Amino acid sequence: MQVTLKLLGFHGFPDVENALANGALVLSLSDDATLEDLLQTLAANYGPIFQPKRFPTGIGFGRISVFVGDEFLEDPQTRLADKVDPDVEMTIALLRPLRGG
């Protein structure tokens, strides 16, 4: 399966920026790949910023948000083949910590 990813918030990460073509990244994954598989593939190729770090409940990720169209994917075991469609954009957003009080 081939997925095209739009990446948001990854400015300042040279490995990621160099891989982007027209603001998107194209990956080939197995047909039974899960959301966790996607993030592990990205971590292996582009660095630990993509390393899946789960919230204590086991659902969702601490610093990465993944969307298919308007749907937020939070279960790491979500099968991408059930969600990804060539007409729907897949987006990964890096959430950076905020400071303030």
PDB file of N, CA and C in Angstrom:
ATOM      1  N   MET A   1       0.852  -1.163   0.000  1.00  0.00           N
ATOM      2  CA  MET A   1       0.000   0.000   0.000  1.00  0.00           C
ATOM      3  C   MET A   1       0.903   1.233   0.000  1.00  0.00           C
ATOM      4  N   GLN A   2       0.503   2.209  -0.759  1.00  0.00           N
ATOM      5  CA  GLN A   2       1.247   3.469  -0.804  1.00  0.00           C
ATOM      6  C   GLN A   2       0.412   4.551  -0.134  1.00  0.00           C
ATOM      7  N   VAL A   3       1.049   5.312   0.769  1.00  0.00           N
ATOM      8  CA  VAL A   3       0.355   6.403   1.443  1.00  0.00           C
ATOM      9  C   VAL A   3       1.115   7.701   1.202  1.00  0.00           C
ATOM     10  N   THR A   4       0.355   8.764   1.029  1.00  0.00           N
ATOM     11  CA  THR A   4       0.927  10.095   0.887  1.00  0.00           C
ATOM     12  C   THR A   4       0.573  10.869   2.141  1.00  0.00           C
ATOM     13  N   LEU A   5       1.598  11.403   2.789  1.00  0.00           N
ATOM     14  CA  LEU A   5       1.419  12.089   4.060  1.00  0.00           C
ATOM     15  C   LEU A   5       1.724  13.565   3.931  1.00  0.00           C
ATOM     16  N   LYS A   6       0.876  14.373   4.487  1.00  0.00           N
ATOM     17  CA  LYS A   6       1.154  15.796   4.652  1.00  0.00           C
ATOM     18  C   LYS A   6       1.663  15.946   6.081  1.00  0.00           C
ATOM     19  N   LEU A   7       2.812  16.562   6.247  1.00  0.00           N
ATOM     20  CA  LEU A   7       3.420  16.713   7.569  1.00  0.00           C
ATOM     21  C   LEU A   7       3.350  18.169   8.010  1.00  0.00           C
ATOM     22  N   LEU A   8       2.853  18.403   9.215  1.00  0.00           N
ATOM     23  CA  LEU A   8       2.724  19.749   9.758  1.00  0.00           C
ATOM     24  C   LEU A   8       3.557  19.874  11.028  1.00  0.00           C
ATOM     25  N   GLY A   9       4.320  20.966  11.145  1.00  0.00           N
ATOM     26  CA  GLY A   9       5.065  21.241  12.361  1.00  0.00           C
ATOM     27  C   GLY A   9       6.446  20.639  12.431  1.00  0.00           C
ATOM     28  N   PHE A  10       6.968  20.150  11.322  1.00  0.00           N
ATOM     29  CA  PHE A  10       8.267  19.489  11.324  1.00  0.00           C
ATOM     30  C   PHE A  10       9.393  20.380  10.822  1.00  0.00           C
ATOM     31  N   HIS A  11       9.181  21.685  10.802  1.00  0.00           N
ATOM     32  CA  HIS A  11      10.247  22.612  10.413  1.00  0.00           C
ATOM     33  C   HIS A  11      11.373  22.508  11.435  1.00  0.00           C
ATOM     34  N   GLY A  12      12.600  22.511  10.945  1.00  0.00           N
ATOM     35  CA  GLY A  12      13.747  22.402  11.838  1.00  0.00           C
ATOM     36  C   GLY A  12      14.241  20.982  12.013  1.00  0.00           C
ATOM     37  N   PHE A  13      13.617  20.029  11.346  1.00  0.00           N
ATOM     38  CA  PHE A  13      14.076  18.642  11.358  1.00  0.00           C
ATOM     39  C   PHE A  13      14.581  18.315   9.952  1.00  0.00           C
ATOM     40  N   PRO A  14      15.891  18.471   9.709  1.00  0.00           N
ATOM     41  CA  PRO A  14      16.445  18.352   8.350  1.00  0.00           C
ATOM     42  C   PRO A  14      16.133  17.032   7.654  1.00  0.00           C
ATOM     43  N   ASP A  15      16.167  15.913   8.375  1.00  0.00           N
ATOM     44  CA  ASP A  15      15.883  14.625   7.731  1.00  0.00           C
ATOM     45  C   ASP A  15      14.476  14.598   7.154  1.00  0.00           C
ATOM     46  N   VAL A  16      13.545  15.202   7.855  1.00  0.00           N
ATOM     47  CA  VAL A  16      12.163  15.239   7.388  1.00  0.00           C
ATOM     48  C   VAL A  16      12.024  16.243   6.258  1.00  0.00           C
ATOM     49  N   GLU A  17      12.538  17.454   6.439  1.00  0.00           N
ATOM     50  CA  GLU A  17      12.406  18.494   5.421  1.00  0.00           C
ATOM     51  C   GLU A  17      13.024  18.069   4.093  1.00  0.00           C
ATOM     52  N   ASN A  18      14.163  17.376   4.129  1.00  0.00           N
ATOM     53  CA  ASN A  18      14.826  16.934   2.898  1.00  0.00           C
ATOM     54  C   ASN A  18      14.026  15.870   2.167  1.00  0.00           C
ATOM     55  N   ALA A  19      13.216  15.106   2.875  1.00  0.00           N
ATOM     56  CA  ALA A  19      12.441  14.030   2.258  1.00  0.00           C
ATOM     57  C   ALA A  19      11.132  14.514   1.645  1.00  0.00           C
ATOM     58  N   LEU A  20      10.687  15.695   2.036  1.00  0.00           N
ATOM     59  CA  LEU A  20       9.409  16.192   1.545  1.00  0.00           C
ATOM     60  C   LEU A  20       9.514  16.650   0.097  1.00  0.00           C
ATOM     61  N   ALA A  21       8.556  16.238  -0.707  1.00  0.00           N
ATOM     62  CA  ALA A  21       8.456  16.696  -2.085  1.00  0.00           C
ATOM     63  C   ALA A  21       7.124  17.411  -2.216  1.00  0.00           C
ATOM     64  N   ASN A  22       7.160  18.687  -2.492  1.00  0.00           N
ATOM     65  CA  ASN A  22       5.933  19.480  -2.594  1.00  0.00           C
ATOM     66  C   ASN A  22       5.105  19.412  -1.311  1.00  0.00           C
ATOM     67  N   GLY A  23       5.776  19.359  -0.179  1.00  0.00           N
ATOM     68  CA  GLY A  23       5.080  19.365   1.097  1.00  0.00           C
ATOM     69  C   GLY A  23       4.496  18.038   1.517  1.00  0.00           C
ATOM     70  N   ALA A  24       4.786  16.970   0.774  1.00  0.00           N
ATOM     71  CA  ALA A  24       4.223  15.659   1.109  1.00  0.00           C
ATOM     72  C   ALA A  24       5.318  14.602   1.094  1.00  0.00           C
ATOM     73  N   LEU A  25       5.045  13.501   1.749  1.00  0.00           N
ATOM     74  CA  LEU A  25       5.964  12.381   1.832  1.00  0.00           C
ATOM     75  C   LEU A  25       5.203  11.148   1.386  1.00  0.00           C
ATOM     76  N   VAL A  26       5.795  10.363   0.493  1.00  0.00           N
ATOM     77  CA  VAL A  26       5.141   9.149  -0.006  1.00  0.00           C
ATOM     78  C   VAL A  26       5.888   7.938   0.549  1.00  0.00           C
ATOM     79  N   LEU A  27       5.140   7.012   1.155  1.00  0.00           N
ATOM     80  CA  LEU A  27       5.714   5.801   1.740  1.00  0.00           C
ATOM     81  C   LEU A  27       5.011   4.571   1.198  1.00  0.00           C
ATOM     82  N   SER A  28       5.759   3.482   1.110  1.00  0.00           N
ATOM     83  CA  SER A  28       5.174   2.182   0.793  1.00  0.00           C
ATOM     84  C   SER A  28       5.150   1.358   2.069  1.00  0.00           C
ATOM     85  N   LEU A  29       3.983   0.827   2.392  1.00  0.00           N
ATOM     86  CA  LEU A  29       3.784   0.011   3.586  1.00  0.00           C
ATOM     87  C   LEU A  29       3.111  -1.290   3.193  1.00  0.00           C
ATOM     88  N   SER A  30       3.185  -2.273   4.075  1.00  0.00           N
ATOM     89  CA  SER A  30       2.481  -3.526   3.809  1.00  0.00           C
ATOM     90  C   SER A  30       0.974  -3.265   3.829  1.00  0.00           C
ATOM     91  N   ASP A  31       0.232  -4.131   3.166  1.00  0.00           N
ATOM     92  CA  ASP A  31      -1.219  -3.946   3.076  1.00  0.00           C
ATOM     93  C   ASP A  31      -1.917  -4.061   4.423  1.00  0.00           C
ATOM     94  N   ASP A  32      -1.281  -4.730   5.383  1.00  0.00           N
ATOM     95  CA  ASP A  32      -1.903  -4.874   6.697  1.00  0.00           C
ATOM     96  C   ASP A  32      -1.290  -3.931   7.738  1.00  0.00           C
ATOM     97  N   ALA A  33      -0.629  -2.863   7.294  1.00  0.00           N
ATOM     98  CA  ALA A  33       0.040  -1.919   8.196  1.00  0.00           C
ATOM     99  C   ALA A  33      -0.962  -1.210   9.099  1.00  0.00           C
ATOM    100  N   THR A  34      -0.516  -0.987  10.328  1.00  0.00           N
ATOM    101  CA  THR A  34      -1.312  -0.253  11.305  1.00  0.00           C
ATOM    102  C   THR A  34      -0.733   1.152  11.468  1.00  0.00           C
ATOM    103  N   LEU A  35      -1.438   1.967  12.229  1.00  0.00           N
ATOM    104  CA  LEU A  35      -0.957   3.308  12.538  1.00  0.00           C
ATOM    105  C   LEU A  35       0.397   3.224  13.235  1.00  0.00           C
ATOM    106  N   GLU A  36       0.543   2.297  14.165  1.00  0.00           N
ATOM    107  CA  GLU A  36       1.817   2.134  14.863  1.00  0.00           C
ATOM    108  C   GLU A  36       2.931   1.730  13.898  1.00  0.00           C
ATOM    109  N   ASP A  37       2.629   0.862  12.931  1.00  0.00           N
ATOM    110  CA  ASP A  37       3.618   0.477  11.916  1.00  0.00           C
ATOM    111  C   ASP A  37       4.073   1.693  11.120  1.00  0.00           C
ATOM    112  N   LEU A  38       3.137   2.549  10.756  1.00  0.00           N
ATOM    113  CA  LEU A  38       3.465   3.768  10.019  1.00  0.00           C
ATOM    114  C   LEU A  38       4.445   4.625  10.812  1.00  0.00           C
ATOM    115  N   LEU A  39       4.141   4.867  12.077  1.00  0.00           N
ATOM    116  CA  LEU A  39       5.006   5.716  12.889  1.00  0.00           C
ATOM    117  C   LEU A  39       6.371   5.070  13.129  1.00  0.00           C
ATOM    118  N   GLN A  40       6.415   3.757  13.282  1.00  0.00           N
ATOM    119  CA  GLN A  40       7.699   3.083  13.454  1.00  0.00           C
ATOM    120  C   GLN A  40       8.530   3.161  12.178  1.00  0.00           C
ATOM    121  N   THR A  41       7.901   3.066  11.028  1.00  0.00           N
ATOM    122  CA  THR A  41       8.604   3.206   9.745  1.00  0.00           C
ATOM    123  C   THR A  41       9.164   4.618   9.614  1.00  0.00           C
ATOM    124  N   LEU A  42       8.350   5.614   9.960  1.00  0.00           N
ATOM    125  CA  LEU A  42       8.827   6.992   9.906  1.00  0.00           C
ATOM    126  C   LEU A  42       9.987   7.209  10.872  1.00  0.00           C
ATOM    127  N   ALA A  43       9.903   6.646  12.074  1.00  0.00           N
ATOM    128  CA  ALA A  43      10.979   6.790  13.065  1.00  0.00           C
ATOM    129  C   ALA A  43      12.267   6.148  12.557  1.00  0.00           C
ATOM    130  N   ALA A  44      12.162   4.994  11.931  1.00  0.00           N
ATOM    131  CA  ALA A  44      13.346   4.301  11.415  1.00  0.00           C
ATOM    132  C   ALA A  44      14.008   5.083  10.283  1.00  0.00           C
ATOM    133  N   ASN A  45      13.195   5.755   9.470  1.00  0.00           N
ATOM    134  CA  ASN A  45      13.727   6.476   8.307  1.00  0.00           C
ATOM    135  C   ASN A  45      14.088   7.933   8.577  1.00  0.00           C
ATOM    136  N   TYR A  46      13.363   8.578   9.498  1.00  0.00           N
ATOM    137  CA  TYR A  46      13.508  10.026   9.646  1.00  0.00           C
ATOM    138  C   TYR A  46      13.791  10.482  11.070  1.00  0.00           C
ATOM    139  N   GLY A  47      13.974   9.563  11.977  1.00  0.00           N
ATOM    140  CA  GLY A  47      14.399   9.940  13.311  1.00  0.00           C
ATOM    141  C   GLY A  47      13.368   9.717  14.393  1.00  0.00           C
ATOM    142  N   PRO A  48      13.833   9.820  15.629  1.00  0.00           N
ATOM    143  CA  PRO A  48      12.997   9.493  16.786  1.00  0.00           C
ATOM    144  C   PRO A  48      11.834  10.450  17.036  1.00  0.00           C
ATOM    145  N   ILE A  49      11.768  11.555  16.341  1.00  0.00           N
ATOM    146  CA  ILE A  49      10.639  12.463  16.518  1.00  0.00           C
ATOM    147  C   ILE A  49       9.314  11.749  16.223  1.00  0.00           C
ATOM    148  N   PHE A  50       9.371  10.703  15.375  1.00  0.00           N
ATOM    149  CA  PHE A  50       8.169   9.940  15.020  1.00  0.00           C
ATOM    150  C   PHE A  50       7.938   8.741  15.929  1.00  0.00           C
ATOM    151  N   GLN A  51       8.862   8.498  16.870  1.00  0.00           N
ATOM    152  CA  GLN A  51       8.725   7.336  17.738  1.00  0.00           C
ATOM    153  C   GLN A  51       7.393   7.391  18.469  1.00  0.00           C
ATOM    154  N   PRO A  52       6.578   6.353  18.312  1.00  0.00           N
ATOM    155  CA  PRO A  52       5.269   6.390  18.964  1.00  0.00           C
ATOM    156  C   PRO A  52       5.387   6.330  20.485  1.00  0.00           C
ATOM    157  N   LYS A  53       5.024   7.418  21.148  1.00  0.00           N
ATOM    158  CA  LYS A  53       5.022   7.477  22.611  1.00  0.00           C
ATOM    159  C   LYS A  53       3.575   7.643  23.038  1.00  0.00           C
ATOM    160  N   ARG A  54       3.056   6.610  23.613  1.00  0.00           N
ATOM    161  CA  ARG A  54       1.628   6.604  23.955  1.00  0.00           C
ATOM    162  C   ARG A  54       1.352   7.304  25.266  1.00  0.00           C
ATOM    163  N   PHE A  55       0.130   7.811  25.346  1.00  0.00           N
ATOM    164  CA  PHE A  55      -0.375   8.297  26.623  1.00  0.00           C
ATOM    165  C   PHE A  55      -0.520   7.101  27.561  1.00  0.00           C
ATOM    166  N   PRO A  56      -0.537   7.321  28.861  1.00  0.00           N
ATOM    167  CA  PRO A  56      -0.629   6.204  29.812  1.00  0.00           C
ATOM    168  C   PRO A  56      -1.817   5.267  29.573  1.00  0.00           C
ATOM    169  N   THR A  57      -2.891   5.766  28.995  1.00  0.00           N
ATOM    170  CA  THR A  57      -4.059   4.917  28.742  1.00  0.00           C
ATOM    171  C   THR A  57      -3.838   3.960  27.590  1.00  0.00           C
ATOM    172  N   GLY A  58      -2.780   4.183  26.791  1.00  0.00           N
ATOM    173  CA  GLY A  58      -2.522   3.322  25.647  1.00  0.00           C
ATOM    174  C   GLY A  58      -3.228   3.768  24.392  1.00  0.00           C
ATOM    175  N   ILE A  59      -4.024   4.800  24.486  1.00  0.00           N
ATOM    176  CA  ILE A  59      -4.736   5.308  23.308  1.00  0.00           C
ATOM    177  C   ILE A  59      -4.194   6.684  22.984  1.00  0.00           C
ATOM    178  N   GLY A  60      -3.880   6.890  21.727  1.00  0.00           N
ATOM    179  CA  GLY A  60      -3.343   8.172  21.287  1.00  0.00           C
ATOM    180  C   GLY A  60      -1.854   8.274  21.535  1.00  0.00           C
ATOM    181  N   PHE A  61      -1.244   9.270  20.959  1.00  0.00           N
ATOM    182  CA  PHE A  61       0.188   9.474  21.052  1.00  0.00           C
ATOM    183  C   PHE A  61       0.463  10.823  21.686  1.00  0.00           C
ATOM    184  N   GLY A  62       1.564  10.936  22.424  1.00  0.00           N
ATOM    185  CA  GLY A  62       1.883  12.125  23.195  1.00  0.00           C
ATOM    186  C   GLY A  62       2.217  13.347  22.392  1.00  0.00           C
ATOM    187  N   ARG A  63       2.886  13.209  21.272  1.00  0.00           N
ATOM    188  CA  ARG A  63       3.301  14.415  20.560  1.00  0.00           C
ATOM    189  C   ARG A  63       2.970  14.395  19.079  1.00  0.00           C
ATOM    190  N   ILE A  64       2.380  13.324  18.612  1.00  0.00           N
ATOM    191  CA  ILE A  64       2.025  13.194  17.203  1.00  0.00           C
ATOM    192  C   ILE A  64       0.513  13.011  17.100  1.00  0.00           C
ATOM    193  N   SER A  65      -0.107  13.738  16.187  1.00  0.00           N
ATOM    194  CA  SER A  65      -1.521  13.523  15.883  1.00  0.00           C
ATOM    195  C   SER A  65      -1.625  13.112  14.429  1.00  0.00           C
ATOM    196  N   VAL A  66      -2.415  12.089  14.170  1.00  0.00           N
ATOM    197  CA  VAL A  66      -2.581  11.574  12.814  1.00  0.00           C
ATOM    198  C   VAL A  66      -4.048  11.690  12.424  1.00  0.00           C
ATOM    199  N   PHE A  67      -4.272  12.237  11.238  1.00  0.00           N
ATOM    200  CA  PHE A  67      -5.625  12.425  10.718  1.00  0.00           C
ATOM    201  C   PHE A  67      -5.729  11.818   9.329  1.00  0.00           C
ATOM    202  N   VAL A  68      -6.867  11.198   9.053  1.00  0.00           N
ATOM    203  CA  VAL A  68      -7.225  10.806   7.696  1.00  0.00           C
ATOM    204  C   VAL A  68      -8.468  11.612   7.383  1.00  0.00           C
ATOM    205  N   GLY A  69      -8.299  12.582   6.480  1.00  0.00           N
ATOM    206  CA  GLY A  69      -9.374  13.536   6.258  1.00  0.00           C
ATOM    207  C   GLY A  69      -9.611  14.292   7.550  1.00  0.00           C
ATOM    208  N   ASP A  70     -10.839  14.294   8.040  1.00  0.00           N
ATOM    209  CA  ASP A  70     -11.187  14.962   9.297  1.00  0.00           C
ATOM    210  C   ASP A  70     -11.180  14.017  10.492  1.00  0.00           C
ATOM    211  N   GLU A  71     -10.887  12.741  10.257  1.00  0.00           N
ATOM    212  CA  GLU A  71     -10.933  11.755  11.335  1.00  0.00           C
ATOM    213  C   GLU A  71      -9.587  11.659  12.053  1.00  0.00           C
ATOM    214  N   PHE A  72      -9.611  11.825  13.359  1.00  0.00           N
ATOM    215  CA  PHE A  72      -8.424  11.696  14.201  1.00  0.00           C
ATOM    216  C   PHE A  72      -8.227  10.229  14.528  1.00  0.00           C
ATOM    217  N   LEU A  73      -7.056   9.685  14.189  1.00  0.00           N
ATOM    218  CA  LEU A  73      -6.760   8.292  14.498  1.00  0.00           C
ATOM    219  C   LEU A  73      -6.007   8.237  15.815  1.00  0.00           C
ATOM    220  N   GLU A  74      -6.565   7.551  16.795  1.00  0.00           N
ATOM    221  CA  GLU A  74      -5.914   7.496  18.087  1.00  0.00           C
ATOM    222  C   GLU A  74      -5.546   6.093  18.521  1.00  0.00           C
ATOM    223  N   ASP A  75      -6.132   5.075  17.933  1.00  0.00           N
ATOM    224  CA  ASP A  75      -5.801   3.699  18.296  1.00  0.00           C
ATOM    225  C   ASP A  75      -4.601   3.246  17.474  1.00  0.00           C
ATOM    226  N   PRO A  76      -3.477   2.921  18.124  1.00  0.00           N
ATOM    227  CA  PRO A  76      -2.274   2.519  17.395  1.00  0.00           C
ATOM    228  C   PRO A  76      -2.474   1.287  16.513  1.00  0.00           C
ATOM    229  N   GLN A  77      -3.483   0.477  16.817  1.00  0.00           N
ATOM    230  CA  GLN A  77      -3.715  -0.739  16.041  1.00  0.00           C
ATOM    231  C   GLN A  77      -4.696  -0.540  14.889  1.00  0.00           C
ATOM    232  N   THR A  78      -5.062   0.701  14.603  1.00  0.00           N
ATOM    233  CA  THR A  78      -5.932   0.998  13.472  1.00  0.00           C
ATOM    234  C   THR A  78      -5.276   0.534  12.183  1.00  0.00           C
ATOM    235  N   ARG A  79      -5.986  -0.296  11.428  1.00  0.00           N
ATOM    236  CA  ARG A  79      -5.465  -0.746  10.125  1.00  0.00           C
ATOM    237  C   ARG A  79      -5.636   0.388   9.123  1.00  0.00           C
ATOM    238  N   LEU A  80      -4.537   0.806   8.521  1.00  0.00           N
ATOM    239  CA  LEU A  80      -4.582   1.935   7.599  1.00  0.00           C
ATOM    240  C   LEU A  80      -5.377   1.619   6.340  1.00  0.00           C
ATOM    241  N   ALA A  81      -5.362   0.376   5.891  1.00  0.00           N
ATOM    242  CA  ALA A  81      -6.107   0.010   4.687  1.00  0.00           C
ATOM    243  C   ALA A  81      -7.600   0.261   4.852  1.00  0.00           C
ATOM    244  N   ASP A  82      -8.084   0.206   6.096  1.00  0.00           N
ATOM    245  CA  ASP A  82      -9.496   0.465   6.359  1.00  0.00           C
ATOM    246  C   ASP A  82      -9.828   1.951   6.328  1.00  0.00           C
ATOM    247  N   LYS A  83      -8.815   2.804   6.387  1.00  0.00           N
ATOM    248  CA  LYS A  83      -9.026   4.251   6.497  1.00  0.00           C
ATOM    249  C   LYS A  83      -8.538   5.041   5.290  1.00  0.00           C
ATOM    250  N   VAL A  84      -7.420   4.620   4.708  1.00  0.00           N
ATOM    251  CA  VAL A  84      -6.763   5.407   3.662  1.00  0.00           C
ATOM    252  C   VAL A  84      -7.478   5.220   2.331  1.00  0.00           C
ATOM    253  N   ASP A  85      -7.698   6.320   1.683  1.00  0.00           N
ATOM    254  CA  ASP A  85      -8.355   6.366   0.380  1.00  0.00           C
ATOM    255  C   ASP A  85      -7.570   7.365  -0.461  1.00  0.00           C
ATOM    256  N   PRO A  86      -7.330   7.072  -1.738  1.00  0.00           N
ATOM    257  CA  PRO A  86      -6.550   8.015  -2.554  1.00  0.00           C
ATOM    258  C   PRO A  86      -7.133   9.421  -2.617  1.00  0.00           C
ATOM    259  N   ASP A  87      -8.426   9.550  -2.369  1.00  0.00           N
ATOM    260  CA  ASP A  87      -9.071  10.861  -2.448  1.00  0.00           C
ATOM    261  C   ASP A  87      -9.074  11.606  -1.109  1.00  0.00           C
ATOM    262  N   VAL A  88      -8.543  10.970  -0.063  1.00  0.00           N
ATOM    263  CA  VAL A  88      -8.564  11.566   1.275  1.00  0.00           C
ATOM    264  C   VAL A  88      -7.127  11.797   1.719  1.00  0.00           C
ATOM    265  N   GLU A  89      -6.879  13.001   2.219  1.00  0.00           N
ATOM    266  CA  GLU A  89      -5.541  13.371   2.649  1.00  0.00           C
ATOM    267  C   GLU A  89      -5.224  12.812   4.033  1.00  0.00           C
ATOM    268  N   MET A  90      -4.005  12.304   4.190  1.00  0.00           N
ATOM    269  CA  MET A  90      -3.528  11.833   5.486  1.00  0.00           C
ATOM    270  C   MET A  90      -2.522  12.843   5.998  1.00  0.00           C
ATOM    271  N   THR A  91      -2.711  13.301   7.241  1.00  0.00           N
ATOM    272  CA  THR A  91      -1.882  14.350   7.818  1.00  0.00           C
ATOM    273  C   THR A  91      -1.306  13.885   9.145  1.00  0.00           C
ATOM    274  N   ILE A  92      -0.023  14.194   9.355  1.00  0.00           N
ATOM    275  CA  ILE A  92       0.614  13.963  10.647  1.00  0.00           C
ATOM    276  C   ILE A  92       1.084  15.317  11.154  1.00  0.00           C
ATOM    277  N   ALA A  93       0.647  15.646  12.366  1.00  0.00           N
ATOM    278  CA  ALA A  93       1.008  16.935  12.972  1.00  0.00           C
ATOM    279  C   ALA A  93       1.865  16.684  14.209  1.00  0.00           C
ATOM    280  N   LEU A  94       2.948  17.450  14.303  1.00  0.00           N
ATOM    281  CA  LEU A  94       3.812  17.403  15.477  1.00  0.00           C
ATOM    282  C   LEU A  94       3.313  18.446  16.454  1.00  0.00           C
ATOM    283  N   LEU A  95       3.010  18.028  17.653  1.00  0.00           N
ATOM    284  CA  LEU A  95       2.537  18.937  18.685  1.00  0.00           C
ATOM    285  C   LEU A  95       3.707  19.281  19.576  1.00  0.00           C
ATOM    286  N   ARG A  96       4.073  20.553  19.604  1.00  0.00           N
ATOM    287  CA  ARG A  96       5.192  20.993  20.409  1.00  0.00           C
ATOM    288  C   ARG A  96       4.682  21.495  21.756  1.00  0.00           C
ATOM    289  N   PRO A  97       5.474  21.309  22.799  1.00  0.00           N
ATOM    290  CA  PRO A  97       5.035  21.772  24.113  1.00  0.00           C
ATOM    291  C   PRO A  97       4.882  23.293  24.138  1.00  0.00           C
ATOM    292  N   LEU A  98       3.900  23.721  24.911  1.00  0.00           N
ATOM    293  CA  LEU A  98       3.657  25.158  25.076  1.00  0.00           C
ATOM    294  C   LEU A  98       4.187  25.594  26.432  1.00  0.00           C
ATOM    295  N   ARG A  99       4.619  26.816  26.479  1.00  0.00           N
ATOM    296  CA  ARG A  99       5.078  27.385  27.751  1.00  0.00           C
ATOM    297  C   ARG A  99       4.153  28.504  28.152  1.00  0.00           C
ATOM    298  N   GLY A 100       4.092  28.733  29.399  1.00  0.00           N
ATOM    299  CA  GLY A 100       3.270  29.831  29.866  1.00  0.00           C
ATOM    300  C   GLY A 100       2.655  29.501  31.222  1.00  0.00           C
ATOM    301  N   GLY A 101       1.846  30.383  31.647  1.00  0.00           N
ATOM    302  CA  GLY A 101       1.263  30.107  32.951  1.00  0.00           C
ATOM    303  C   GLY A 101      -0.046  30.799  33.116  1.00  0.00           C
TER     304      GLY A 101
END
